[in-house]
């Protein structure tokens, strides 16, 4: 069981790669899909790349040249803690 650094294992499928790549020229995008298809993983992976300014070799999206400030929000504090924070930070 992997309990840390999960972001290094993220392997996007074609629609996710398209989403990331569009970020190069489109500051606002929408990834619309059914439940359990990787929307949260895709979004938090991108957030993590920008916050750390460390991008994988396949990355062709926007590159942050300097440190950024970012808000990651959800419908409740519990959802942020249990879902987004777990994926963003990469711990169980």
PDB file of N, CA and C in Angstrom:
ATOM      1  N   UNK A   1       0.848  -1.181   0.000  1.00  0.00           N
ATOM      2  CA  UNK A   1       0.000   0.000   0.000  1.00  0.00           C
ATOM      3  C   UNK A   1       0.893   1.243   0.000  1.00  0.00           C
ATOM      4  N   UNK A   2       0.654   2.120  -0.946  1.00  0.00           N
ATOM      5  CA  UNK A   2       1.431   3.361  -1.044  1.00  0.00           C
ATOM      6  C   UNK A   2       0.764   4.412  -0.166  1.00  0.00           C
ATOM      7  N   UNK A   3       1.533   5.011   0.740  1.00  0.00           N
ATOM      8  CA  UNK A   3       0.955   5.968   1.662  1.00  0.00           C
ATOM      9  C   UNK A   3       1.498   7.377   1.489  1.00  0.00           C
ATOM     10  N   UNK A   4       2.473   7.564   0.618  1.00  0.00           N
ATOM     11  CA  UNK A   4       3.000   8.904   0.390  1.00  0.00           C
ATOM     12  C   UNK A   4       3.545   9.014  -1.039  1.00  0.00           C
ATOM     13  N   UNK A   5       3.640  10.227  -1.504  1.00  0.00           N
ATOM     14  CA  UNK A   5       4.178  10.537  -2.830  1.00  0.00           C
ATOM     15  C   UNK A   5       3.409   9.867  -3.964  1.00  0.00           C
ATOM     16  N   UNK A   6       2.108   9.704  -3.794  1.00  0.00           N
ATOM     17  CA  UNK A   6       1.276   9.092  -4.825  1.00  0.00           C
ATOM     18  C   UNK A   6       1.296   9.872  -6.133  1.00  0.00           C
ATOM     19  N   UNK A   7       1.513  11.174  -6.052  1.00  0.00           N
ATOM     20  CA  UNK A   7       1.463  12.019  -7.242  1.00  0.00           C
ATOM     21  C   UNK A   7       2.467  11.555  -8.288  1.00  0.00           C
ATOM     22  N   UNK A   8       3.557  10.953  -7.850  1.00  0.00           N
ATOM     23  CA  UNK A   8       4.569  10.469  -8.794  1.00  0.00           C
ATOM     24  C   UNK A   8       4.048   9.284  -9.610  1.00  0.00           C
ATOM     25  N   UNK A   9       2.992   8.635  -9.146  1.00  0.00           N
ATOM     26  CA  UNK A   9       2.434   7.474  -9.842  1.00  0.00           C
ATOM     27  C   UNK A   9       1.282   7.834 -10.777  1.00  0.00           C
ATOM     28  N   UNK A  10       0.895   9.100 -10.820  1.00  0.00           N
ATOM     29  CA  UNK A  10      -0.226   9.522 -11.660  1.00  0.00           C
ATOM     30  C   UNK A  10       0.117   9.342 -13.133  1.00  0.00           C
ATOM     31  N   UNK A  11      -0.663   8.548 -13.817  1.00  0.00           N
ATOM     32  CA  UNK A  11      -0.511   8.315 -15.253  1.00  0.00           C
ATOM     33  C   UNK A  11      -1.842   8.692 -15.916  1.00  0.00           C
ATOM     34  N   UNK A  12      -1.933   9.887 -16.483  1.00  0.00           N
ATOM     35  CA  UNK A  12      -3.207  10.333 -17.043  1.00  0.00           C
ATOM     36  C   UNK A  12      -3.605   9.574 -18.303  1.00  0.00           C
ATOM     37  N   UNK A  13      -4.909   9.413 -18.464  1.00  0.00           N
ATOM     38  CA  UNK A  13      -5.420   8.835 -19.699  1.00  0.00           C
ATOM     39  C   UNK A  13      -5.623   9.975 -20.704  1.00  0.00           C
ATOM     40  N   UNK A  14      -5.913   9.680 -21.977  1.00  0.00           N
ATOM     41  CA  UNK A  14      -5.926  10.722 -23.026  1.00  0.00           C
ATOM     42  C   UNK A  14      -6.756  11.963 -22.718  1.00  0.00           C
ATOM     43  N   UNK A  15      -7.954  11.813 -22.166  1.00  0.00           N
ATOM     44  CA  UNK A  15      -8.781  12.995 -21.861  1.00  0.00           C
ATOM     45  C   UNK A  15      -8.140  13.855 -20.774  1.00  0.00           C
ATOM     46  N   UNK A  16      -7.492  13.230 -19.818  1.00  0.00           N
ATOM     47  CA  UNK A  16      -6.803  13.989 -18.776  1.00  0.00           C
ATOM     48  C   UNK A  16      -5.596  14.728 -19.350  1.00  0.00           C
ATOM     49  N   UNK A  17      -4.856  14.079 -20.233  1.00  0.00           N
ATOM     50  CA  UNK A  17      -3.729  14.751 -20.888  1.00  0.00           C
ATOM     51  C   UNK A  17      -4.228  15.951 -21.682  1.00  0.00           C
ATOM     52  N   UNK A  18      -5.337  15.775 -22.384  1.00  0.00           N
ATOM     53  CA  UNK A  18      -5.921  16.892 -23.138  1.00  0.00           C
ATOM     54  C   UNK A  18      -6.285  18.044 -22.201  1.00  0.00           C
ATOM     55  N   UNK A  19      -6.868  17.728 -21.058  1.00  0.00           N
ATOM     56  CA  UNK A  19      -7.221  18.746 -20.063  1.00  0.00           C
ATOM     57  C   UNK A  19      -5.980  19.511 -19.606  1.00  0.00           C
ATOM     58  N   UNK A  20      -4.932  18.790 -19.247  1.00  0.00           N
ATOM     59  CA  UNK A  20      -3.700  19.432 -18.789  1.00  0.00           C
ATOM     60  C   UNK A  20      -3.092  20.301 -19.888  1.00  0.00           C
ATOM     61  N   UNK A  21      -3.040  19.777 -21.095  1.00  0.00           N
ATOM     62  CA  UNK A  21      -2.435  20.498 -22.218  1.00  0.00           C
ATOM     63  C   UNK A  21      -3.196  21.778 -22.541  1.00  0.00           C
ATOM     64  N   UNK A  22      -4.521  21.745 -22.453  1.00  0.00           N
ATOM     65  CA  UNK A  22      -5.318  22.942 -22.712  1.00  0.00           C
ATOM     66  C   UNK A  22      -4.970  24.077 -21.761  1.00  0.00           C
ATOM     67  N   UNK A  23      -4.449  23.740 -20.595  1.00  0.00           N
ATOM     68  CA  UNK A  23      -4.075  24.755 -19.614  1.00  0.00           C
ATOM     69  C   UNK A  23      -2.993  25.694 -20.104  1.00  0.00           C
ATOM     70  N   UNK A  24      -2.269  25.302 -21.107  1.00  0.00           N
ATOM     71  CA  UNK A  24      -1.220  26.162 -21.653  1.00  0.00           C
ATOM     72  C   UNK A  24      -1.813  27.457 -22.216  1.00  0.00           C
ATOM     73  N   UNK A  25      -3.007  27.355 -22.803  1.00  0.00           N
ATOM     74  CA  UNK A  25      -3.620  28.519 -23.449  1.00  0.00           C
ATOM     75  C   UNK A  25      -4.984  28.901 -22.875  1.00  0.00           C
ATOM     76  N   UNK A  26      -5.546  28.047 -22.035  1.00  0.00           N
ATOM     77  CA  UNK A  26      -6.877  28.289 -21.466  1.00  0.00           C
ATOM     78  C   UNK A  26      -6.795  28.298 -19.943  1.00  0.00           C
ATOM     79  N   UNK A  27      -6.876  29.465 -19.317  1.00  0.00           N
ATOM     80  CA  UNK A  27      -6.768  29.507 -17.854  1.00  0.00           C
ATOM     81  C   UNK A  27      -7.970  28.886 -17.141  1.00  0.00           C
ATOM     82  N   UNK A  28      -9.113  28.806 -17.827  1.00  0.00           N
ATOM     83  CA  UNK A  28     -10.300  28.174 -17.235  1.00  0.00           C
ATOM     84  C   UNK A  28     -10.716  27.005 -18.107  1.00  0.00           C
ATOM     85  N   UNK A  29     -10.842  25.840 -17.471  1.00  0.00           N
ATOM     86  CA  UNK A  29     -11.239  24.628 -18.168  1.00  0.00           C
ATOM     87  C   UNK A  29     -12.216  23.860 -17.322  1.00  0.00           C
ATOM     88  N   UNK A  30     -12.910  22.905 -17.921  1.00  0.00           N
ATOM     89  CA  UNK A  30     -13.846  22.046 -17.194  1.00  0.00           C
ATOM     90  C   UNK A  30     -13.584  20.600 -17.598  1.00  0.00           C
ATOM     91  N   UNK A  31     -13.417  19.766 -16.614  1.00  0.00           N
ATOM     92  CA  UNK A  31     -13.281  18.332 -16.861  1.00  0.00           C
ATOM     93  C   UNK A  31     -14.575  17.699 -16.384  1.00  0.00           C
ATOM     94  N   UNK A  32     -15.426  17.360 -17.321  1.00  0.00           N
ATOM     95  CA  UNK A  32     -16.759  16.842 -17.022  1.00  0.00           C
ATOM     96  C   UNK A  32     -16.800  15.357 -17.355  1.00  0.00           C
ATOM     97  N   UNK A  33     -17.126  14.542 -16.371  1.00  0.00           N
ATOM     98  CA  UNK A  33     -17.164  13.093 -16.576  1.00  0.00           C
ATOM     99  C   UNK A  33     -18.047  12.465 -15.505  1.00  0.00           C
ATOM    100  N   UNK A  34     -18.327  11.187 -15.682  1.00  0.00           N
ATOM    101  CA  UNK A  34     -19.127  10.457 -14.705  1.00  0.00           C
ATOM    102  C   UNK A  34     -18.327  10.251 -13.420  1.00  0.00           C
ATOM    103  N   UNK A  35     -18.984   9.694 -12.422  1.00  0.00           N
ATOM    104  CA  UNK A  35     -18.333   9.429 -11.137  1.00  0.00           C
ATOM    105  C   UNK A  35     -17.210   8.408 -11.271  1.00  0.00           C
ATOM    106  N   UNK A  36     -16.184   8.598 -10.449  1.00  0.00           N
ATOM    107  CA  UNK A  36     -15.072   7.651 -10.311  1.00  0.00           C
ATOM    108  C   UNK A  36     -14.248   7.478 -11.592  1.00  0.00           C
ATOM    109  N   UNK A  37     -14.103   8.552 -12.385  1.00  0.00           N
ATOM    110  CA  UNK A  37     -13.315   8.464 -13.614  1.00  0.00           C
ATOM    111  C   UNK A  37     -12.024   9.281 -13.556  1.00  0.00           C
ATOM    112  N   UNK A  38     -11.691   9.838 -12.381  1.00  0.00           N
ATOM    113  CA  UNK A  38     -10.398  10.479 -12.223  1.00  0.00           C
ATOM    114  C   UNK A  38     -10.373  11.995 -12.297  1.00  0.00           C
ATOM    115  N   UNK A  39     -11.523  12.647 -12.168  1.00  0.00           N
ATOM    116  CA  UNK A  39     -11.554  14.113 -12.219  1.00  0.00           C
ATOM    117  C   UNK A  39     -10.783  14.719 -11.046  1.00  0.00           C
ATOM    118  N   UNK A  40     -11.016  14.242  -9.856  1.00  0.00           N
ATOM    119  CA  UNK A  40     -10.341  14.783  -8.678  1.00  0.00           C
ATOM    120  C   UNK A  40      -8.848  14.495  -8.737  1.00  0.00           C
ATOM    121  N   UNK A  41      -8.491  13.296  -9.128  1.00  0.00           N
ATOM    122  CA  UNK A  41      -7.075  12.954  -9.247  1.00  0.00           C
ATOM    123  C   UNK A  41      -6.394  13.851 -10.269  1.00  0.00           C
ATOM    124  N   UNK A  42      -7.025  14.070 -11.391  1.00  0.00           N
ATOM    125  CA  UNK A  42      -6.484  14.928 -12.444  1.00  0.00           C
ATOM    126  C   UNK A  42      -6.278  16.355 -11.935  1.00  0.00           C
ATOM    127  N   UNK A  43      -7.292  16.904 -11.292  1.00  0.00           N
ATOM    128  CA  UNK A  43      -7.210  18.280 -10.796  1.00  0.00           C
ATOM    129  C   UNK A  43      -6.177  18.445  -9.694  1.00  0.00           C
ATOM    130  N   UNK A  44      -6.155  17.519  -8.754  1.00  0.00           N
ATOM    131  CA  UNK A  44      -5.193  17.654  -7.662  1.00  0.00           C
ATOM    132  C   UNK A  44      -3.767  17.380  -8.130  1.00  0.00           C
ATOM    133  N   UNK A  45      -3.606  16.522  -9.134  1.00  0.00           N
ATOM    134  CA  UNK A  45      -2.270  16.310  -9.700  1.00  0.00           C
ATOM    135  C   UNK A  45      -1.762  17.615 -10.297  1.00  0.00           C
ATOM    136  N   UNK A  46      -2.609  18.275 -11.084  1.00  0.00           N
ATOM    137  CA  UNK A  46      -2.192  19.542 -11.685  1.00  0.00           C
ATOM    138  C   UNK A  46      -1.897  20.584 -10.610  1.00  0.00           C
ATOM    139  N   UNK A  47      -2.743  20.652  -9.603  1.00  0.00           N
ATOM    140  CA  UNK A  47      -2.494  21.591  -8.503  1.00  0.00           C
ATOM    141  C   UNK A  47      -1.131  21.327  -7.872  1.00  0.00           C
ATOM    142  N   UNK A  48      -0.847  20.061  -7.616  1.00  0.00           N
ATOM    143  CA  UNK A  48       0.422  19.691  -6.990  1.00  0.00           C
ATOM    144  C   UNK A  48       1.611  20.070  -7.864  1.00  0.00           C
ATOM    145  N   UNK A  49       1.499  19.832  -9.162  1.00  0.00           N
ATOM    146  CA  UNK A  49       2.600  20.186 -10.072  1.00  0.00           C
ATOM    147  C   UNK A  49       2.867  21.690 -10.018  1.00  0.00           C
ATOM    148  N   UNK A  50       1.797  22.487 -10.059  1.00  0.00           N
ATOM    149  CA  UNK A  50       1.971  23.940 -10.043  1.00  0.00           C
ATOM    150  C   UNK A  50       2.515  24.436  -8.700  1.00  0.00           C
ATOM    151  N   UNK A  51       2.000  23.882  -7.609  1.00  0.00           N
ATOM    152  CA  UNK A  51       2.464  24.318  -6.294  1.00  0.00           C
ATOM    153  C   UNK A  51       3.937  23.987  -6.071  1.00  0.00           C
ATOM    154  N   UNK A  52       4.376  22.840  -6.543  1.00  0.00           N
ATOM    155  CA  UNK A  52       5.767  22.427  -6.368  1.00  0.00           C
ATOM    156  C   UNK A  52       6.664  22.922  -7.501  1.00  0.00           C
ATOM    157  N   UNK A  53       6.041  23.339  -8.592  1.00  0.00           N
ATOM    158  CA  UNK A  53       6.760  23.707  -9.826  1.00  0.00           C
ATOM    159  C   UNK A  53       7.674  22.573 -10.283  1.00  0.00           C
ATOM    160  N   UNK A  54       7.141  21.365 -10.135  1.00  0.00           N
ATOM    161  CA  UNK A  54       7.818  20.153 -10.609  1.00  0.00           C
ATOM    162  C   UNK A  54       6.833  19.439 -11.524  1.00  0.00           C
ATOM    163  N   UNK A  55       7.209  19.294 -12.789  1.00  0.00           N
ATOM    164  CA  UNK A  55       6.312  18.744 -13.792  1.00  0.00           C
ATOM    165  C   UNK A  55       6.882  17.442 -14.348  1.00  0.00           C
ATOM    166  N   UNK A  56       6.003  16.476 -14.642  1.00  0.00           N
ATOM    167  CA  UNK A  56       6.483  15.210 -15.215  1.00  0.00           C
ATOM    168  C   UNK A  56       6.982  15.406 -16.646  1.00  0.00           C
ATOM    169  N   UNK A  57       7.706  14.445 -17.136  1.00  0.00           N
ATOM    170  CA  UNK A  57       8.280  14.524 -18.481  1.00  0.00           C
ATOM    171  C   UNK A  57       7.216  14.689 -19.565  1.00  0.00           C
ATOM    172  N   UNK A  58       6.038  14.096 -19.391  1.00  0.00           N
ATOM    173  CA  UNK A  58       4.996  14.152 -20.410  1.00  0.00           C
ATOM    174  C   UNK A  58       4.249  15.489 -20.412  1.00  0.00           C
ATOM    175  N   UNK A  59       4.485  16.356 -19.441  1.00  0.00           N
ATOM    176  CA  UNK A  59       3.723  17.593 -19.254  1.00  0.00           C
ATOM    177  C   UNK A  59       3.889  18.547 -20.436  1.00  0.00           C
ATOM    178  N   UNK A  60       2.754  19.019 -20.973  1.00  0.00           N
ATOM    179  CA  UNK A  60       2.775  20.001 -22.052  1.00  0.00           C
ATOM    180  C   UNK A  60       1.802  21.137 -21.744  1.00  0.00           C
ATOM    181  N   UNK A  61       1.391  21.240 -20.488  1.00  0.00           N
ATOM    182  CA  UNK A  61       0.455  22.286 -20.080  1.00  0.00           C
ATOM    183  C   UNK A  61       1.181  23.537 -19.605  1.00  0.00           C
ATOM    184  N   UNK A  62       0.445  24.369 -18.896  1.00  0.00           N
ATOM    185  CA  UNK A  62       0.998  25.617 -18.359  1.00  0.00           C
ATOM    186  C   UNK A  62       2.111  25.305 -17.362  1.00  0.00           C
ATOM    187  N   UNK A  63       3.150  26.120 -17.384  1.00  0.00           N
ATOM    188  CA  UNK A  63       4.248  25.987 -16.428  1.00  0.00           C
ATOM    189  C   UNK A  63       4.293  27.231 -15.557  1.00  0.00           C
ATOM    190  N   UNK A  64       4.281  27.060 -14.259  1.00  0.00           N
ATOM    191  CA  UNK A  64       4.420  28.187 -13.344  1.00  0.00           C
ATOM    192  C   UNK A  64       5.908  28.483 -13.178  1.00  0.00           C
ATOM    193  N   UNK A  65       6.284  29.685 -13.488  1.00  0.00           N
ATOM    194  CA  UNK A  65       7.696  30.075 -13.437  1.00  0.00           C
ATOM    195  C   UNK A  65       8.131  30.527 -12.038  1.00  0.00           C
ATOM    196  N   UNK A  66       7.160  30.933 -11.209  1.00  0.00           N
ATOM    197  CA  UNK A  66       7.486  31.414  -9.871  1.00  0.00           C
ATOM    198  C   UNK A  66       6.449  30.871  -8.892  1.00  0.00           C
ATOM    199  N   UNK A  67       6.706  30.950  -7.593  1.00  0.00           N
ATOM    200  CA  UNK A  67       5.752  30.427  -6.607  1.00  0.00           C
ATOM    201  C   UNK A  67       4.371  31.056  -6.775  1.00  0.00           C
ATOM    202  N   UNK A  68       3.356  30.265  -6.484  1.00  0.00           N
ATOM    203  CA  UNK A  68       1.975  30.732  -6.611  1.00  0.00           C
ATOM    204  C   UNK A  68       1.232  30.530  -5.293  1.00  0.00           C
ATOM    205  N   UNK A  69       0.106  31.220  -5.177  1.00  0.00           N
ATOM    206  CA  UNK A  69      -0.837  30.990  -4.081  1.00  0.00           C
ATOM    207  C   UNK A  69      -2.044  30.307  -4.688  1.00  0.00           C
ATOM    208  N   UNK A  70      -2.601  29.348  -3.962  1.00  0.00           N
ATOM    209  CA  UNK A  70      -3.712  28.588  -4.506  1.00  0.00           C
ATOM    210  C   UNK A  70      -4.703  28.250  -3.397  1.00  0.00           C
ATOM    211  N   UNK A  71      -5.964  28.311  -3.734  1.00  0.00           N
ATOM    212  CA  UNK A  71      -7.021  27.843  -2.857  1.00  0.00           C
ATOM    213  C   UNK A  71      -7.558  26.547  -3.447  1.00  0.00           C
ATOM    214  N   UNK A  72      -7.732  25.550  -2.603  1.00  0.00           N
ATOM    215  CA  UNK A  72      -8.395  24.317  -3.007  1.00  0.00           C
ATOM    216  C   UNK A  72      -9.600  24.200  -2.083  1.00  0.00           C
ATOM    217  N   UNK A  73     -10.786  24.171  -2.678  1.00  0.00           N
ATOM    218  CA  UNK A  73     -12.011  24.224  -1.879  1.00  0.00           C
ATOM    219  C   UNK A  73     -12.947  23.074  -2.225  1.00  0.00           C
ATOM    220  N   UNK A  74     -13.867  22.823  -1.326  1.00  0.00           N
ATOM    221  CA  UNK A  74     -14.881  21.790  -1.529  1.00  0.00           C
ATOM    222  C   UNK A  74     -16.151  22.186  -0.804  1.00  0.00           C
ATOM    223  N   UNK A  75     -17.172  21.358  -0.907  1.00  0.00           N
ATOM    224  CA  UNK A  75     -18.473  21.704  -0.320  1.00  0.00           C
ATOM    225  C   UNK A  75     -18.462  21.764   1.208  1.00  0.00           C
ATOM    226  N   UNK A  76     -17.579  20.987   1.839  1.00  0.00           N
ATOM    227  CA  UNK A  76     -17.460  21.005   3.301  1.00  0.00           C
ATOM    228  C   UNK A  76     -15.991  20.811   3.680  1.00  0.00           C
ATOM    229  N   UNK A  77     -15.661  21.198   4.900  1.00  0.00           N
ATOM    230  CA  UNK A  77     -14.293  20.993   5.387  1.00  0.00           C
ATOM    231  C   UNK A  77     -13.953  19.505   5.424  1.00  0.00           C
ATOM    232  N   UNK A  78     -14.915  18.690   5.767  1.00  0.00           N
ATOM    233  CA  UNK A  78     -14.686  17.239   5.834  1.00  0.00           C
ATOM    234  C   UNK A  78     -14.348  16.670   4.451  1.00  0.00           C
ATOM    235  N   UNK A  79     -15.075  17.108   3.419  1.00  0.00           N
ATOM    236  CA  UNK A  79     -14.795  16.646   2.053  1.00  0.00           C
ATOM    237  C   UNK A  79     -13.397  17.073   1.612  1.00  0.00           C
ATOM    238  N   UNK A  80     -13.029  18.300   1.949  1.00  0.00           N
ATOM    239  CA  UNK A  80     -11.689  18.775   1.591  1.00  0.00           C
ATOM    240  C   UNK A  80     -10.646  17.907   2.278  1.00  0.00           C
ATOM    241  N   UNK A  81     -10.836  17.657   3.558  1.00  0.00           N
ATOM    242  CA  UNK A  81      -9.872  16.844   4.310  1.00  0.00           C
ATOM    243  C   UNK A  81      -9.823  15.408   3.802  1.00  0.00           C
ATOM    244  N   UNK A  82     -10.979  14.792   3.629  1.00  0.00           N
ATOM    245  CA  UNK A  82     -11.033  13.365   3.307  1.00  0.00           C
ATOM    246  C   UNK A  82     -10.782  13.043   1.842  1.00  0.00           C
ATOM    247  N   UNK A  83     -11.043  13.985   0.956  1.00  0.00           N
ATOM    248  CA  UNK A  83     -10.898  13.708  -0.477  1.00  0.00           C
ATOM    249  C   UNK A  83      -9.766  14.529  -1.089  1.00  0.00           C
ATOM    250  N   UNK A  84      -9.922  15.835  -1.120  1.00  0.00           N
ATOM    251  CA  UNK A  84      -8.943  16.671  -1.825  1.00  0.00           C
ATOM    252  C   UNK A  84      -7.572  16.663  -1.160  1.00  0.00           C
ATOM    253  N   UNK A  85      -7.533  16.829   0.144  1.00  0.00           N
ATOM    254  CA  UNK A  85      -6.244  16.873   0.837  1.00  0.00           C
ATOM    255  C   UNK A  85      -5.514  15.553   0.683  1.00  0.00           C
ATOM    256  N   UNK A  86      -6.223  14.461   0.776  1.00  0.00           N
ATOM    257  CA  UNK A  86      -5.590  13.149   0.633  1.00  0.00           C
ATOM    258  C   UNK A  86      -4.947  13.002  -0.742  1.00  0.00           C
ATOM    259  N   UNK A  87      -5.658  13.437  -1.774  1.00  0.00           N
ATOM    260  CA  UNK A  87      -5.101  13.322  -3.128  1.00  0.00           C
ATOM    261  C   UNK A  87      -4.007  14.348  -3.371  1.00  0.00           C
ATOM    262  N   UNK A  88      -4.199  15.573  -2.881  1.00  0.00           N
ATOM    263  CA  UNK A  88      -3.240  16.633  -3.125  1.00  0.00           C
ATOM    264  C   UNK A  88      -1.917  16.358  -2.409  1.00  0.00           C
ATOM    265  N   UNK A  89      -2.000  15.966  -1.159  1.00  0.00           N
ATOM    266  CA  UNK A  89      -0.802  15.723  -0.357  1.00  0.00           C
ATOM    267  C   UNK A  89      -0.256  14.324  -0.621  1.00  0.00           C
ATOM    268  N   UNK A  90      -1.151  13.408  -0.973  1.00  0.00           N
ATOM    269  CA  UNK A  90      -0.713  12.074  -1.338  1.00  0.00           C
ATOM    270  C   UNK A  90      -0.500  11.125  -0.193  1.00  0.00           C
ATOM    271  N   UNK A  91      -1.294  11.285   0.847  1.00  0.00           N
ATOM    272  CA  UNK A  91      -1.172  10.367   1.981  1.00  0.00           C
ATOM    273  C   UNK A  91      -2.516   9.705   2.245  1.00  0.00           C
ATOM    274  N   UNK A  92      -2.484   8.572   2.884  1.00  0.00           N
ATOM    275  CA  UNK A  92      -3.717   7.859   3.254  1.00  0.00           C
ATOM    276  C   UNK A  92      -4.141   8.244   4.647  1.00  0.00           C
TER     277      UNK A  92
END
